[in-house]
Amino acid sequence: MSEAVLPRVRLTIDGQPVEIEQGATIAAALAVCGGSAYGTRASITGEPRAPMCGMGVCQECRVTVDGRMHVLACQTVCRDGQIVQTTRPR
């Protein structure tokens, strides 16, 4: 019995191409590409922030998607061609 291969989508995160299974959230894509190690944004004091609750309550996973700011990465499904920008410290 062979494993089912899920369709994949391609998006860009901070200028880097990322490919992930269809149906995954942006937070999952960030984790897969190493984004969770650095956070999704920076706090006022410059500290990295990252998803905590995974259900949109904490608001720590905010990113910009296709120019729209403050999108919750944990609640947004990836789609082909998306451009995601974090403000995490570089």
PDB file of N, CA and C in Angstrom:
ATOM      1  N   MET A   1       0.846  -1.163   0.000  1.00  0.00           N
ATOM      2  CA  MET A   1       0.000   0.000   0.000  1.00  0.00           C
ATOM      3  C   MET A   1       0.901   1.237   0.000  1.00  0.00           C
ATOM      4  N   SER A   2       0.682   2.144  -0.923  1.00  0.00           N
ATOM      5  CA  SER A   2       1.519   3.342  -1.000  1.00  0.00           C
ATOM      6  C   SER A   2       0.860   4.496  -0.243  1.00  0.00           C
ATOM      7  N   GLU A   3       1.703   5.406   0.227  1.00  0.00           N
ATOM      8  CA  GLU A   3       1.200   6.572   0.945  1.00  0.00           C
ATOM      9  C   GLU A   3       0.637   7.573  -0.050  1.00  0.00           C
ATOM     10  N   ALA A   4      -0.427   8.239   0.351  1.00  0.00           N
ATOM     11  CA  ALA A   4      -1.009   9.274  -0.499  1.00  0.00           C
ATOM     12  C   ALA A   4      -0.092  10.491  -0.501  1.00  0.00           C
ATOM     13  N   VAL A   5       0.103  11.056  -1.655  1.00  0.00           N
ATOM     14  CA  VAL A   5       0.919  12.257  -1.776  1.00  0.00           C
ATOM     15  C   VAL A   5      -0.026  13.447  -1.825  1.00  0.00           C
ATOM     16  N   LEU A   6       0.115  14.330  -0.852  1.00  0.00           N
ATOM     17  CA  LEU A   6      -0.732  15.511  -0.811  1.00  0.00           C
ATOM     18  C   LEU A   6      -0.223  16.556  -1.792  1.00  0.00           C
ATOM     19  N   PRO A   7      -1.144  17.255  -2.448  1.00  0.00           N
ATOM     20  CA  PRO A   7      -0.706  18.350  -3.329  1.00  0.00           C
ATOM     21  C   PRO A   7       0.058  19.389  -2.514  1.00  0.00           C
ATOM     22  N   ARG A   8       0.963  20.093  -3.179  1.00  0.00           N
ATOM     23  CA  ARG A   8       1.782  21.089  -2.500  1.00  0.00           C
ATOM     24  C   ARG A   8       1.492  22.476  -3.072  1.00  0.00           C
ATOM     25  N   VAL A   9       1.746  23.482  -2.267  1.00  0.00           N
ATOM     26  CA  VAL A   9       1.618  24.869  -2.714  1.00  0.00           C
ATOM     27  C   VAL A   9       2.970  25.542  -2.531  1.00  0.00           C
ATOM     28  N   ARG A  10       3.184  26.574  -3.324  1.00  0.00           N
ATOM     29  CA  ARG A  10       4.432  27.338  -3.245  1.00  0.00           C
ATOM     30  C   ARG A  10       4.103  28.758  -2.815  1.00  0.00           C
ATOM     31  N   LEU A  11       4.861  29.244  -1.840  1.00  0.00           N
ATOM     32  CA  LEU A  11       4.713  30.614  -1.390  1.00  0.00           C
ATOM     33  C   LEU A  11       6.098  31.171  -1.119  1.00  0.00           C
ATOM     34  N   THR A  12       6.157  32.457  -0.816  1.00  0.00           N
ATOM     35  CA  THR A  12       7.426  33.113  -0.524  1.00  0.00           C
ATOM     36  C   THR A  12       7.351  33.675   0.884  1.00  0.00           C
ATOM     37  N   ILE A  13       8.354  33.346   1.703  1.00  0.00           N
ATOM     38  CA  ILE A  13       8.425  33.861   3.071  1.00  0.00           C
ATOM     39  C   ILE A  13       9.720  34.639   3.202  1.00  0.00           C
ATOM     40  N   ASP A  14       9.592  35.931   3.471  1.00  0.00           N
ATOM     41  CA  ASP A  14      10.763  36.808   3.607  1.00  0.00           C
ATOM     42  C   ASP A  14      11.724  36.653   2.430  1.00  0.00           C
ATOM     43  N   GLY A  15      11.147  36.579   1.221  1.00  0.00           N
ATOM     44  CA  GLY A  15      11.951  36.506   0.006  1.00  0.00           C
ATOM     45  C   GLY A  15      12.442  35.126  -0.363  1.00  0.00           C
ATOM     46  N   GLN A  16      12.172  34.124   0.471  1.00  0.00           N
ATOM     47  CA  GLN A  16      12.635  32.768   0.214  1.00  0.00           C
ATOM     48  C   GLN A  16      11.479  31.884  -0.253  1.00  0.00           C
ATOM     49  N   PRO A  17      11.664  31.128  -1.335  1.00  0.00           N
ATOM     50  CA  PRO A  17      10.600  30.221  -1.771  1.00  0.00           C
ATOM     51  C   PRO A  17      10.424  29.072  -0.784  1.00  0.00           C
ATOM     52  N   VAL A  18       9.174  28.747  -0.528  1.00  0.00           N
ATOM     53  CA  VAL A  18       8.828  27.654   0.386  1.00  0.00           C
ATOM     54  C   VAL A  18       7.762  26.806  -0.295  1.00  0.00           C
ATOM     55  N   GLU A  19       7.884  25.499  -0.172  1.00  0.00           N
ATOM     56  CA  GLU A  19       6.877  24.577  -0.683  1.00  0.00           C
ATOM     57  C   GLU A  19       6.371  23.750   0.484  1.00  0.00           C
ATOM     58  N   ILE A  20       5.054  23.655   0.606  1.00  0.00           N
ATOM     59  CA  ILE A  20       4.459  22.940   1.732  1.00  0.00           C
ATOM     60  C   ILE A  20       3.170  22.261   1.268  1.00  0.00           C
ATOM     61  N   GLU A  21       2.734  21.280   2.035  1.00  0.00           N
ATOM     62  CA  GLU A  21       1.515  20.544   1.687  1.00  0.00           C
ATOM     63  C   GLU A  21       0.298  21.457   1.702  1.00  0.00           C
ATOM     64  N   GLN A  22      -0.560  21.266   0.740  1.00  0.00           N
ATOM     65  CA  GLN A  22      -1.804  22.020   0.662  1.00  0.00           C
ATOM     66  C   GLN A  22      -2.597  21.812   1.944  1.00  0.00           C
ATOM     67  N   GLY A  23      -3.163  22.884   2.488  1.00  0.00           N
ATOM     68  CA  GLY A  23      -3.953  22.796   3.707  1.00  0.00           C
ATOM     69  C   GLY A  23      -3.184  23.185   4.955  1.00  0.00           C
ATOM     70  N   ALA A  24      -1.857  23.341   4.837  1.00  0.00           N
ATOM     71  CA  ALA A  24      -1.043  23.747   5.985  1.00  0.00           C
ATOM     72  C   ALA A  24      -1.219  25.240   6.246  1.00  0.00           C
ATOM     73  N   THR A  25      -1.047  25.627   7.494  1.00  0.00           N
ATOM     74  CA  THR A  25      -1.129  27.049   7.835  1.00  0.00           C
ATOM     75  C   THR A  25       0.215  27.726   7.582  1.00  0.00           C
ATOM     76  N   ILE A  26       0.178  29.048   7.556  1.00  0.00           N
ATOM     77  CA  ILE A  26       1.416  29.804   7.412  1.00  0.00           C
ATOM     78  C   ILE A  26       2.329  29.536   8.606  1.00  0.00           C
ATOM     79  N   ALA A  27       1.767  29.396   9.794  1.00  0.00           N
ATOM     80  CA  ALA A  27       2.587  29.075  10.976  1.00  0.00           C
ATOM     81  C   ALA A  27       3.335  27.760  10.763  1.00  0.00           C
ATOM     82  N   ALA A  28       2.687  26.773  10.166  1.00  0.00           N
ATOM     83  CA  ALA A  28       3.347  25.494   9.877  1.00  0.00           C
ATOM     84  C   ALA A  28       4.454  25.693   8.852  1.00  0.00           C
ATOM     85  N   ALA A  29       4.198  26.504   7.830  1.00  0.00           N
ATOM     86  CA  ALA A  29       5.219  26.775   6.820  1.00  0.00           C
ATOM     87  C   ALA A  29       6.422  27.471   7.446  1.00  0.00           C
ATOM     88  N   LEU A  30       6.170  28.389   8.368  1.00  0.00           N
ATOM     89  CA  LEU A  30       7.262  29.066   9.067  1.00  0.00           C
ATOM     90  C   LEU A  30       8.088  28.068   9.871  1.00  0.00           C
ATOM     91  N   ALA A  31       7.411  27.145  10.520  1.00  0.00           N
ATOM     92  CA  ALA A  31       8.119  26.134  11.312  1.00  0.00           C
ATOM     93  C   ALA A  31       8.954  25.231  10.410  1.00  0.00           C
ATOM     94  N   VAL A  32       8.404  24.836   9.278  1.00  0.00           N
ATOM     95  CA  VAL A  32       9.109  23.949   8.356  1.00  0.00           C
ATOM     96  C   VAL A  32      10.353  24.632   7.784  1.00  0.00           C
ATOM     97  N   CYS A  33      10.247  25.931   7.491  1.00  0.00           N
ATOM     98  CA  CYS A  33      11.397  26.613   6.875  1.00  0.00           C
ATOM     99  C   CYS A  33      12.339  27.207   7.911  1.00  0.00           C
ATOM    100  N   GLY A  34      12.119  26.928   9.183  1.00  0.00           N
ATOM    101  CA  GLY A  34      13.023  27.408  10.221  1.00  0.00           C
ATOM    102  C   GLY A  34      12.622  28.726  10.834  1.00  0.00           C
ATOM    103  N   GLY A  35      11.498  29.280  10.410  1.00  0.00           N
ATOM    104  CA  GLY A  35      11.059  30.570  10.920  1.00  0.00           C
ATOM    105  C   GLY A  35      10.742  30.567  12.394  1.00  0.00           C
ATOM    106  N   SER A  36      10.277  29.451  12.911  1.00  0.00           N
ATOM    107  CA  SER A  36       9.900  29.420  14.319  1.00  0.00           C
ATOM    108  C   SER A  36      11.111  29.569  15.237  1.00  0.00           C
ATOM    109  N   ALA A  37      12.296  29.276  14.715  1.00  0.00           N
ATOM    110  CA  ALA A  37      13.497  29.427  15.531  1.00  0.00           C
ATOM    111  C   ALA A  37      13.816  30.890  15.788  1.00  0.00           C
ATOM    112  N   TYR A  38      13.347  31.761  14.910  1.00  0.00           N
ATOM    113  CA  TYR A  38      13.638  33.184  15.024  1.00  0.00           C
ATOM    114  C   TYR A  38      12.413  34.010  15.382  1.00  0.00           C
ATOM    115  N   GLY A  39      11.256  33.435  15.322  1.00  0.00           N
ATOM    116  CA  GLY A  39      10.029  34.164  15.588  1.00  0.00           C
ATOM    117  C   GLY A  39       9.401  34.693  14.319  1.00  0.00           C
ATOM    118  N   THR A  40       8.205  35.236  14.460  1.00  0.00           N
ATOM    119  CA  THR A  40       7.494  35.773  13.304  1.00  0.00           C
ATOM    120  C   THR A  40       7.556  37.286  13.254  1.00  0.00           C
ATOM    121  N   ARG A  41       7.863  37.889  14.355  1.00  0.00           N
ATOM    122  CA  ARG A  41       7.947  39.345  14.417  1.00  0.00           C
ATOM    123  C   ARG A  41       8.817  39.729  15.605  1.00  0.00           C
ATOM    124  N   ALA A  42       9.083  41.018  15.706  1.00  0.00           N
ATOM    125  CA  ALA A  42       9.881  41.510  16.829  1.00  0.00           C
ATOM    126  C   ALA A  42       8.988  42.339  17.741  1.00  0.00           C
ATOM    127  N   SER A  43       9.214  42.234  19.034  1.00  0.00           N
ATOM    128  CA  SER A  43       8.480  43.055  19.995  1.00  0.00           C
ATOM    129  C   SER A  43       9.003  44.486  19.927  1.00  0.00           C
ATOM    130  N   ILE A  44       8.401  45.371  20.661  1.00  0.00           N
ATOM    131  CA  ILE A  44       8.839  46.763  20.700  1.00  0.00           C
ATOM    132  C   ILE A  44      10.296  46.862  21.136  1.00  0.00           C
ATOM    133  N   THR A  45      10.714  45.966  22.001  1.00  0.00           N
ATOM    134  CA  THR A  45      12.097  45.997  22.488  1.00  0.00           C
ATOM    135  C   THR A  45      13.050  45.211  21.585  1.00  0.00           C
ATOM    136  N   GLY A  46      12.536  44.651  20.481  1.00  0.00           N
ATOM    137  CA  GLY A  46      13.379  43.930  19.541  1.00  0.00           C
ATOM    138  C   GLY A  46      13.507  42.443  19.792  1.00  0.00           C
ATOM    139  N   GLU A  47      12.808  41.936  20.793  1.00  0.00           N
ATOM    140  CA  GLU A  47      12.866  40.500  21.093  1.00  0.00           C
ATOM    141  C   GLU A  47      12.009  39.723  20.094  1.00  0.00           C
ATOM    142  N   PRO A  48      12.465  38.532  19.677  1.00  0.00           N
ATOM    143  CA  PRO A  48      11.660  37.737  18.746  1.00  0.00           C
ATOM    144  C   PRO A  48      10.384  37.223  19.412  1.00  0.00           C
ATOM    145  N   ARG A  49       9.302  37.256  18.688  1.00  0.00           N
ATOM    146  CA  ARG A  49       8.008  36.728  19.132  1.00  0.00           C
ATOM    147  C   ARG A  49       7.648  35.583  18.199  1.00  0.00           C
ATOM    148  N   ALA A  50       6.925  34.596  18.703  1.00  0.00           N
ATOM    149  CA  ALA A  50       6.559  33.431  17.901  1.00  0.00           C
ATOM    150  C   ALA A  50       5.174  32.944  18.316  1.00  0.00           C
ATOM    151  N   PRO A  51       4.541  32.120  17.465  1.00  0.00           N
ATOM    152  CA  PRO A  51       3.235  31.576  17.827  1.00  0.00           C
ATOM    153  C   PRO A  51       3.293  30.846  19.164  1.00  0.00           C
ATOM    154  N   MET A  52       2.272  31.059  19.985  1.00  0.00           N
ATOM    155  CA  MET A  52       2.217  30.389  21.282  1.00  0.00           C
ATOM    156  C   MET A  52       0.991  29.504  21.402  1.00  0.00           C
ATOM    157  N   CYS A  53      -0.189  30.058  21.118  1.00  0.00           N
ATOM    158  CA  CYS A  53      -1.415  29.320  21.397  1.00  0.00           C
ATOM    159  C   CYS A  53      -1.879  28.454  20.224  1.00  0.00           C
ATOM    160  N   GLY A  54      -1.576  28.856  19.005  1.00  0.00           N
ATOM    161  CA  GLY A  54      -1.989  28.104  17.829  1.00  0.00           C
ATOM    162  C   GLY A  54      -3.458  28.212  17.490  1.00  0.00           C
ATOM    163  N   MET A  55      -4.171  29.119  18.159  1.00  0.00           N
ATOM    164  CA  MET A  55      -5.602  29.278  17.854  1.00  0.00           C
ATOM    165  C   MET A  55      -6.020  30.732  17.713  1.00  0.00           C
ATOM    166  N   GLY A  56      -5.072  31.649  17.565  1.00  0.00           N
ATOM    167  CA  GLY A  56      -5.387  33.034  17.267  1.00  0.00           C
ATOM    168  C   GLY A  56      -5.641  33.936  18.449  1.00  0.00           C
ATOM    169  N   VAL A  57      -5.529  33.430  19.655  1.00  0.00           N
ATOM    170  CA  VAL A  57      -5.816  34.232  20.837  1.00  0.00           C
ATOM    171  C   VAL A  57      -4.631  35.123  21.212  1.00  0.00           C
ATOM    172  N   CYS A  58      -3.429  34.579  21.176  1.00  0.00           N
ATOM    173  CA  CYS A  58      -2.260  35.320  21.679  1.00  0.00           C
ATOM    174  C   CYS A  58      -1.795  36.421  20.721  1.00  0.00           C
ATOM    175  N   GLN A  59      -2.104  36.296  19.440  1.00  0.00           N
ATOM    176  CA  GLN A  59      -1.732  37.281  18.419  1.00  0.00           C
ATOM    177  C   GLN A  59      -0.223  37.387  18.206  1.00  0.00           C
ATOM    178  N   GLU A  60       0.550  36.438  18.686  1.00  0.00           N
ATOM    179  CA  GLU A  60       2.011  36.489  18.553  1.00  0.00           C
ATOM    180  C   GLU A  60       2.501  36.062  17.171  1.00  0.00           C
ATOM    181  N   CYS A  61       1.629  35.526  16.358  1.00  0.00           N
ATOM    182  CA  CYS A  61       2.046  35.008  15.058  1.00  0.00           C
ATOM    183  C   CYS A  61       1.720  35.955  13.907  1.00  0.00           C
ATOM    184  N   ARG A  62       1.489  37.216  14.205  1.00  0.00           N
ATOM    185  CA  ARG A  62       1.093  38.167  13.164  1.00  0.00           C
ATOM    186  C   ARG A  62       2.188  38.333  12.106  1.00  0.00           C
ATOM    187  N   VAL A  63       1.761  38.284  10.854  1.00  0.00           N
ATOM    188  CA  VAL A  63       2.646  38.473   9.705  1.00  0.00           C
ATOM    189  C   VAL A  63       1.905  39.346   8.688  1.00  0.00           C
ATOM    190  N   THR A  64       2.607  39.735   7.647  1.00  0.00           N
ATOM    191  CA  THR A  64       1.987  40.450   6.531  1.00  0.00           C
ATOM    192  C   THR A  64       1.853  39.464   5.378  1.00  0.00           C
ATOM    193  N   VAL A  65       0.656  39.357   4.831  1.00  0.00           N
ATOM    194  CA  VAL A  65       0.396  38.429   3.726  1.00  0.00           C
ATOM    195  C   VAL A  65      -0.144  39.231   2.551  1.00  0.00           C
ATOM    196  N   ASP A  66       0.568  39.166   1.439  1.00  0.00           N
ATOM    197  CA  ASP A  66       0.168  39.886   0.224  1.00  0.00           C
ATOM    198  C   ASP A  66      -0.139  41.356   0.518  1.00  0.00           C
ATOM    199  N   GLY A  67       0.677  41.955   1.381  1.00  0.00           N
ATOM    200  CA  GLY A  67       0.533  43.370   1.710  1.00  0.00           C
ATOM    201  C   GLY A  67      -0.440  43.679   2.830  1.00  0.00           C
ATOM    202  N   ARG A  68      -1.174  42.686   3.299  1.00  0.00           N
ATOM    203  CA  ARG A  68      -2.140  42.890   4.388  1.00  0.00           C
ATOM    204  C   ARG A  68      -1.470  42.595   5.723  1.00  0.00           C
ATOM    205  N   MET A  69      -1.378  43.592   6.573  1.00  0.00           N
ATOM    206  CA  MET A  69      -0.681  43.456   7.853  1.00  0.00           C
ATOM    207  C   MET A  69      -1.544  42.766   8.909  1.00  0.00           C
ATOM    208  N   HIS A  70      -0.891  42.258   9.932  1.00  0.00           N
ATOM    209  CA  HIS A  70      -1.512  41.686  11.126  1.00  0.00           C
ATOM    210  C   HIS A  70      -2.377  40.450  10.848  1.00  0.00           C
ATOM    211  N   VAL A  71      -1.962  39.658   9.870  1.00  0.00           N
ATOM    212  CA  VAL A  71      -2.630  38.397   9.567  1.00  0.00           C
ATOM    213  C   VAL A  71      -2.114  37.349  10.547  1.00  0.00           C
ATOM    214  N   LEU A  72      -3.008  36.565  11.108  1.00  0.00           N
ATOM    215  CA  LEU A  72      -2.613  35.519  12.052  1.00  0.00           C
ATOM    216  C   LEU A  72      -2.133  34.282  11.281  1.00  0.00           C
ATOM    217  N   ALA A  73      -0.846  33.988  11.409  1.00  0.00           N
ATOM    218  CA  ALA A  73      -0.246  32.872  10.674  1.00  0.00           C
ATOM    219  C   ALA A  73      -0.850  31.535  11.075  1.00  0.00           C
ATOM    220  N   CYS A  74      -1.251  31.414  12.346  1.00  0.00           N
ATOM    221  CA  CYS A  74      -1.792  30.129  12.816  1.00  0.00           C
ATOM    222  C   CYS A  74      -3.205  29.874  12.309  1.00  0.00           C
ATOM    223  N   GLN A  75      -3.866  30.894  11.801  1.00  0.00           N
ATOM    224  CA  GLN A  75      -5.247  30.756  11.342  1.00  0.00           C
ATOM    225  C   GLN A  75      -5.388  30.905   9.830  1.00  0.00           C
ATOM    226  N   THR A  76      -4.277  31.083   9.123  1.00  0.00           N
ATOM    227  CA  THR A  76      -4.319  31.348   7.687  1.00  0.00           C
ATOM    228  C   THR A  76      -3.703  30.186   6.923  1.00  0.00           C
ATOM    229  N   VAL A  77      -4.486  29.615   6.024  1.00  0.00           N
ATOM    230  CA  VAL A  77      -4.035  28.486   5.219  1.00  0.00           C
ATOM    231  C   VAL A  77      -3.179  29.004   4.062  1.00  0.00           C
ATOM    232  N   CYS A  78      -2.088  28.313   3.788  1.00  0.00           N
ATOM    233  CA  CYS A  78      -1.203  28.670   2.680  1.00  0.00           C
ATOM    234  C   CYS A  78      -1.920  28.464   1.356  1.00  0.00           C
ATOM    235  N   ARG A  79      -1.616  29.340   0.423  1.00  0.00           N
ATOM    236  CA  ARG A  79      -2.116  29.155  -0.933  1.00  0.00           C
ATOM    237  C   ARG A  79      -1.011  29.522  -1.910  1.00  0.00           C
ATOM    238  N   ASP A  80      -1.109  28.976  -3.101  1.00  0.00           N
ATOM    239  CA  ASP A  80      -0.098  29.199  -4.124  1.00  0.00           C
ATOM    240  C   ASP A  80       0.104  30.692  -4.375  1.00  0.00           C
ATOM    241  N   GLY A  81       1.366  31.101  -4.415  1.00  0.00           N
ATOM    242  CA  GLY A  81       1.699  32.468  -4.776  1.00  0.00           C
ATOM    243  C   GLY A  81       1.691  33.480  -3.649  1.00  0.00           C
ATOM    244  N   GLN A  82       1.302  33.072  -2.452  1.00  0.00           N
ATOM    245  CA  GLN A  82       1.280  34.019  -1.322  1.00  0.00           C
ATOM    246  C   GLN A  82       2.673  34.589  -1.076  1.00  0.00           C
ATOM    247  N   ILE A  83       2.685  35.849  -0.664  1.00  0.00           N
ATOM    248  CA  ILE A  83       3.927  36.485  -0.246  1.00  0.00           C
ATOM    249  C   ILE A  83       3.764  36.851   1.213  1.00  0.00           C
ATOM    250  N   VAL A  84       4.578  36.216   2.044  1.00  0.00           N
ATOM    251  CA  VAL A  84       4.505  36.396   3.496  1.00  0.00           C
ATOM    252  C   VAL A  84       5.752  37.142   3.958  1.00  0.00           C
ATOM    253  N   GLN A  85       5.532  38.151   4.778  1.00  0.00           N
ATOM    254  CA  GLN A  85       6.640  38.901   5.348  1.00  0.00           C
ATOM    255  C   GLN A  85       6.528  38.871   6.863  1.00  0.00           C
ATOM    256  N   THR A  86       7.618  38.524   7.494  1.00  0.00           N
ATOM    257  CA  THR A  86       7.670  38.604   8.951  1.00  0.00           C
ATOM    258  C   THR A  86       8.466  39.854   9.289  1.00  0.00           C
ATOM    259  N   THR A  87       8.430  40.242  10.540  1.00  0.00           N
ATOM    260  CA  THR A  87       9.273  41.355  10.986  1.00  0.00           C
ATOM    261  C   THR A  87      10.216  40.864  12.056  1.00  0.00           C
ATOM    262  N   ARG A  88      10.518  39.590  11.994  1.00  0.00           N
ATOM    263  CA  ARG A  88      11.414  39.001  12.994  1.00  0.00           C
ATOM    264  C   ARG A  88      12.799  39.603  12.853  1.00  0.00           C
ATOM    265  N   PRO A  89      13.563  39.614  13.904  1.00  0.00           N
ATOM    266  CA  PRO A  89      14.935  40.116  13.819  1.00  0.00           C
ATOM    267  C   PRO A  89      15.748  39.263  12.851  1.00  0.00           C
ATOM    268  N   ARG A  90      16.567  39.893  12.085  1.00  0.00           N
ATOM    269  CA  ARG A  90      17.387  39.181  11.095  1.00  0.00           C
ATOM    270  C   ARG A  90      18.746  38.886  11.664  1.00  0.00           C
TER     271      ARG A  90
END
